[in-house]
């Protein structure tokens, strides 16, 4: 199942997993990415729901941005390699 999801999200994961050399990975970085991914996804759900409820369609744009940030963080945290997590943190 994990390999099928990694293949589905390969456009996000492949650029982050490429490269050679050393990288500084810390397990706490993965945990923080998990939390940030979940928080941004919840924030996007609230923003989109509020925009639809208030019929303010301009509020959908921030919801879409929060959702994309949440999805990228969650995908890298749950499916990415240690190199992808370190590269997202810009750790060398």
N, C-alpha and C. Protein backbone atom coordinates (compact mmCIF):
# COMPACT_ATOMS: atom_id res chain seq x y z
N UNK A 1 0.82 -1.19 0.00
CA UNK A 1 0.00 0.00 0.00
C UNK A 1 0.87 1.26 0.00
N UNK A 2 1.94 1.21 0.82
CA UNK A 2 2.81 2.37 0.90
C UNK A 2 3.50 2.64 -0.43
N UNK A 3 3.90 1.58 -1.13
CA UNK A 3 4.57 1.77 -2.42
C UNK A 3 3.61 2.34 -3.45
N UNK A 4 2.34 1.95 -3.40
CA UNK A 4 1.37 2.51 -4.33
C UNK A 4 1.16 4.01 -4.06
N UNK A 5 1.12 4.39 -2.80
CA UNK A 5 0.98 5.80 -2.45
C UNK A 5 2.24 6.59 -2.81
N UNK A 6 3.41 5.98 -2.62
CA UNK A 6 4.66 6.65 -3.01
C UNK A 6 4.69 6.88 -4.51
N UNK A 7 4.18 5.93 -5.28
CA UNK A 7 4.14 6.09 -6.74
C UNK A 7 3.15 7.18 -7.12
N UNK A 8 2.02 7.25 -6.43
CA UNK A 8 1.01 8.27 -6.71
C UNK A 8 1.55 9.67 -6.42
N UNK A 9 2.28 9.82 -5.33
CA UNK A 9 2.81 11.12 -4.92
C UNK A 9 4.27 11.32 -5.35
N UNK A 10 4.73 10.58 -6.33
CA UNK A 10 6.11 10.70 -6.79
C UNK A 10 6.45 12.10 -7.33
N UNK A 11 5.53 12.85 -7.93
CA UNK A 11 5.91 14.22 -8.34
C UNK A 11 6.31 15.11 -7.17
N UNK A 12 5.81 14.83 -5.99
CA UNK A 12 6.18 15.60 -4.80
C UNK A 12 7.46 15.03 -4.19
N UNK A 13 7.57 13.71 -4.13
CA UNK A 13 8.66 13.08 -3.41
C UNK A 13 9.97 13.02 -4.20
N UNK A 14 9.90 12.79 -5.49
CA UNK A 14 11.13 12.60 -6.28
C UNK A 14 12.09 13.79 -6.21
N UNK A 15 11.65 15.03 -6.39
CA UNK A 15 12.61 16.14 -6.31
C UNK A 15 13.26 16.27 -4.93
N UNK A 16 12.55 15.88 -3.88
CA UNK A 16 13.10 16.00 -2.54
C UNK A 16 14.05 14.85 -2.19
N UNK A 17 13.89 13.71 -2.85
CA UNK A 17 14.71 12.54 -2.53
C UNK A 17 15.95 12.43 -3.40
N UNK A 18 16.08 13.27 -4.40
CA UNK A 18 17.26 13.23 -5.27
C UNK A 18 18.44 13.88 -4.58
N UNK A 19 19.61 13.50 -5.02
CA UNK A 19 20.82 14.13 -4.50
C UNK A 19 21.76 13.13 -3.87
N UNK A 20 22.96 13.58 -3.68
CA UNK A 20 24.01 12.76 -3.10
C UNK A 20 24.58 13.50 -1.90
N UNK A 21 25.39 12.79 -1.16
CA UNK A 21 26.07 13.42 -0.04
C UNK A 21 25.32 13.26 1.26
N UNK A 22 25.84 13.94 2.25
CA UNK A 22 25.30 13.83 3.59
C UNK A 22 24.13 14.79 3.78
N UNK A 23 23.30 14.44 4.75
CA UNK A 23 22.19 15.31 5.13
C UNK A 23 21.95 15.12 6.62
N UNK A 24 21.41 16.14 7.24
CA UNK A 24 21.18 16.12 8.69
C UNK A 24 19.70 15.82 8.95
N UNK A 25 19.42 14.58 9.31
CA UNK A 25 18.05 14.17 9.60
C UNK A 25 17.87 14.00 11.09
N UNK A 26 16.76 14.52 11.59
CA UNK A 26 16.40 14.30 13.00
C UNK A 26 14.96 13.80 13.04
N UNK A 27 14.69 12.76 13.83
CA UNK A 27 13.32 12.22 13.88
C UNK A 27 12.28 13.26 14.31
N UNK A 28 12.70 14.26 15.08
CA UNK A 28 11.74 15.28 15.50
C UNK A 28 11.24 16.10 14.32
N UNK A 29 12.06 16.23 13.27
CA UNK A 29 11.62 16.96 12.08
C UNK A 29 10.45 16.27 11.41
N UNK A 30 10.47 14.95 11.37
CA UNK A 30 9.36 14.20 10.77
C UNK A 30 8.10 14.37 11.61
N UNK A 31 8.24 14.34 12.91
CA UNK A 31 7.07 14.50 13.79
C UNK A 31 6.47 15.90 13.64
N UNK A 32 7.33 16.90 13.54
CA UNK A 32 6.84 18.27 13.37
C UNK A 32 6.13 18.41 12.04
N UNK A 33 6.66 17.79 10.98
CA UNK A 33 5.99 17.83 9.68
C UNK A 33 4.62 17.17 9.74
N UNK A 34 4.51 16.08 10.49
CA UNK A 34 3.21 15.42 10.65
C UNK A 34 2.20 16.38 11.29
N UNK A 35 2.64 17.03 12.36
CA UNK A 35 1.75 17.96 13.07
C UNK A 35 1.37 19.14 12.18
N UNK A 36 2.35 19.70 11.47
CA UNK A 36 2.08 20.84 10.60
C UNK A 36 1.14 20.43 9.48
N UNK A 37 1.33 19.25 8.91
CA UNK A 37 0.45 18.77 7.85
C UNK A 37 -0.98 18.63 8.31
N UNK A 38 -1.17 18.06 9.48
CA UNK A 38 -2.53 17.90 10.02
C UNK A 38 -3.14 19.26 10.36
N UNK A 39 -2.36 20.14 10.97
CA UNK A 39 -2.90 21.46 11.34
C UNK A 39 -3.29 22.29 10.12
N UNK A 40 -2.44 22.30 9.09
CA UNK A 40 -2.77 23.05 7.89
C UNK A 40 -3.97 22.45 7.17
N UNK A 41 -4.11 21.14 7.19
CA UNK A 41 -5.27 20.50 6.57
C UNK A 41 -6.55 20.86 7.31
N UNK A 42 -6.49 20.87 8.64
CA UNK A 42 -7.67 21.28 9.42
C UNK A 42 -7.99 22.75 9.19
N UNK A 43 -6.97 23.59 9.14
CA UNK A 43 -7.17 25.01 8.89
C UNK A 43 -7.81 25.22 7.52
N UNK A 44 -7.39 24.47 6.53
CA UNK A 44 -7.97 24.61 5.20
C UNK A 44 -9.43 24.17 5.20
N UNK A 45 -9.74 23.11 5.93
CA UNK A 45 -11.14 22.66 6.00
C UNK A 45 -12.02 23.74 6.62
N UNK A 46 -11.54 24.36 7.70
CA UNK A 46 -12.31 25.43 8.33
C UNK A 46 -12.43 26.64 7.42
N UNK A 47 -11.37 27.00 6.72
CA UNK A 47 -11.40 28.16 5.83
C UNK A 47 -12.35 27.93 4.66
N UNK A 48 -12.31 26.75 4.08
CA UNK A 48 -13.20 26.45 2.96
C UNK A 48 -14.65 26.37 3.43
N UNK A 49 -14.89 25.76 4.59
CA UNK A 49 -16.25 25.67 5.11
C UNK A 49 -16.80 27.06 5.44
N UNK A 50 -15.98 27.92 6.02
CA UNK A 50 -16.43 29.28 6.34
C UNK A 50 -16.70 30.08 5.07
N UNK A 51 -15.88 29.91 4.05
CA UNK A 51 -16.08 30.63 2.79
C UNK A 51 -17.37 30.18 2.11
N UNK A 52 -17.63 28.90 2.13
CA UNK A 52 -18.85 28.39 1.50
C UNK A 52 -20.07 28.82 2.31
N UNK A 53 -19.99 28.72 3.62
CA UNK A 53 -21.12 29.10 4.48
C UNK A 53 -21.46 30.58 4.33
N UNK A 54 -20.44 31.43 4.26
CA UNK A 54 -20.66 32.87 4.14
C UNK A 54 -20.84 33.31 2.69
N UNK A 55 -20.70 32.38 1.75
CA UNK A 55 -20.80 32.67 0.32
C UNK A 55 -19.82 33.75 -0.10
N UNK A 56 -18.64 33.72 0.46
CA UNK A 56 -17.54 34.60 0.09
C UNK A 56 -16.52 33.75 -0.66
N UNK A 57 -16.68 33.70 -1.97
CA UNK A 57 -15.90 32.77 -2.77
C UNK A 57 -14.43 33.13 -2.84
N UNK A 58 -14.08 34.35 -2.50
CA UNK A 58 -12.67 34.73 -2.45
C UNK A 58 -11.93 34.03 -1.32
N UNK A 59 -12.66 33.52 -0.35
CA UNK A 59 -12.05 32.80 0.76
C UNK A 59 -11.61 31.40 0.40
N UNK A 60 -11.95 30.94 -0.80
CA UNK A 60 -11.52 29.61 -1.22
C UNK A 60 -10.03 29.56 -1.56
N UNK A 61 -9.48 30.69 -1.99
CA UNK A 61 -8.06 30.72 -2.34
C UNK A 61 -7.15 30.44 -1.14
N UNK A 62 -7.34 31.11 0.00
CA UNK A 62 -6.51 30.74 1.16
C UNK A 62 -6.72 29.30 1.60
N UNK A 63 -7.94 28.81 1.48
CA UNK A 63 -8.20 27.41 1.82
C UNK A 63 -7.43 26.46 0.92
N UNK A 64 -7.36 26.79 -0.37
CA UNK A 64 -6.61 25.95 -1.31
C UNK A 64 -5.11 26.00 -1.01
N UNK A 65 -4.61 27.17 -0.66
CA UNK A 65 -3.18 27.29 -0.33
C UNK A 65 -2.86 26.50 0.94
N UNK A 66 -3.68 26.64 1.97
CA UNK A 66 -3.46 25.89 3.20
C UNK A 66 -3.55 24.38 2.95
N UNK A 67 -4.48 23.98 2.09
CA UNK A 67 -4.62 22.56 1.78
C UNK A 67 -3.39 22.03 1.06
N UNK A 68 -2.86 22.79 0.12
CA UNK A 68 -1.67 22.32 -0.61
C UNK A 68 -0.46 22.21 0.32
N UNK A 69 -0.29 23.17 1.21
CA UNK A 69 0.82 23.10 2.17
C UNK A 69 0.64 21.91 3.10
N UNK A 70 -0.58 21.69 3.56
CA UNK A 70 -0.86 20.56 4.44
C UNK A 70 -0.61 19.23 3.77
N UNK A 71 -1.02 19.10 2.51
CA UNK A 71 -0.83 17.84 1.79
C UNK A 71 0.65 17.57 1.56
N UNK A 72 1.41 18.58 1.16
CA UNK A 72 2.85 18.38 0.92
C UNK A 72 3.54 17.97 2.22
N UNK A 73 3.25 18.65 3.31
CA UNK A 73 3.88 18.30 4.59
C UNK A 73 3.49 16.89 5.02
N UNK A 74 2.22 16.53 4.90
CA UNK A 74 1.77 15.21 5.31
C UNK A 74 2.37 14.12 4.43
N UNK A 75 2.43 14.34 3.13
CA UNK A 75 2.99 13.34 2.22
C UNK A 75 4.46 13.10 2.52
N UNK A 76 5.22 14.16 2.70
CA UNK A 76 6.65 14.00 3.00
C UNK A 76 6.83 13.35 4.37
N UNK A 77 6.02 13.74 5.34
CA UNK A 77 6.17 13.18 6.68
C UNK A 77 5.83 11.70 6.74
N UNK A 78 4.76 11.30 6.07
CA UNK A 78 4.30 9.92 6.18
C UNK A 78 4.92 8.99 5.13
N UNK A 79 5.27 9.50 3.96
CA UNK A 79 5.75 8.65 2.88
C UNK A 79 7.19 8.90 2.47
N UNK A 80 7.72 10.06 2.81
CA UNK A 80 9.04 10.45 2.33
C UNK A 80 10.18 9.76 3.07
N UNK A 81 11.32 9.74 2.40
CA UNK A 81 12.52 9.18 3.02
C UNK A 81 13.13 10.20 3.98
N UNK A 82 14.15 9.76 4.69
CA UNK A 82 14.84 10.66 5.61
C UNK A 82 15.46 11.83 4.84
N UNK A 83 15.97 11.57 3.64
CA UNK A 83 16.56 12.63 2.81
C UNK A 83 15.50 13.67 2.43
N UNK A 84 14.28 13.22 2.10
CA UNK A 84 13.22 14.15 1.72
C UNK A 84 12.85 15.05 2.89
N UNK A 85 12.77 14.48 4.08
CA UNK A 85 12.45 15.28 5.26
C UNK A 85 13.54 16.31 5.53
N UNK A 86 14.79 15.87 5.46
CA UNK A 86 15.91 16.78 5.70
C UNK A 86 15.96 17.87 4.63
N UNK A 87 15.67 17.50 3.40
CA UNK A 87 15.73 18.50 2.32
C UNK A 87 14.60 19.49 2.43
N UNK A 88 13.43 19.06 2.90
CA UNK A 88 12.34 20.00 3.11
C UNK A 88 12.69 20.99 4.22
N UNK A 89 13.46 20.54 5.20
CA UNK A 89 13.91 21.40 6.28
C UNK A 89 15.16 22.19 5.89
N UNK A 90 15.70 21.92 4.71
CA UNK A 90 16.94 22.56 4.23
C UNK A 90 18.12 22.23 5.14
N UNK A 91 18.13 21.02 5.67
CA UNK A 91 19.23 20.59 6.55
C UNK A 91 20.30 19.91 5.73
N UNK A 92 21.52 20.39 5.89
CA UNK A 92 22.65 19.79 5.18
C UNK A 92 23.70 19.35 6.15
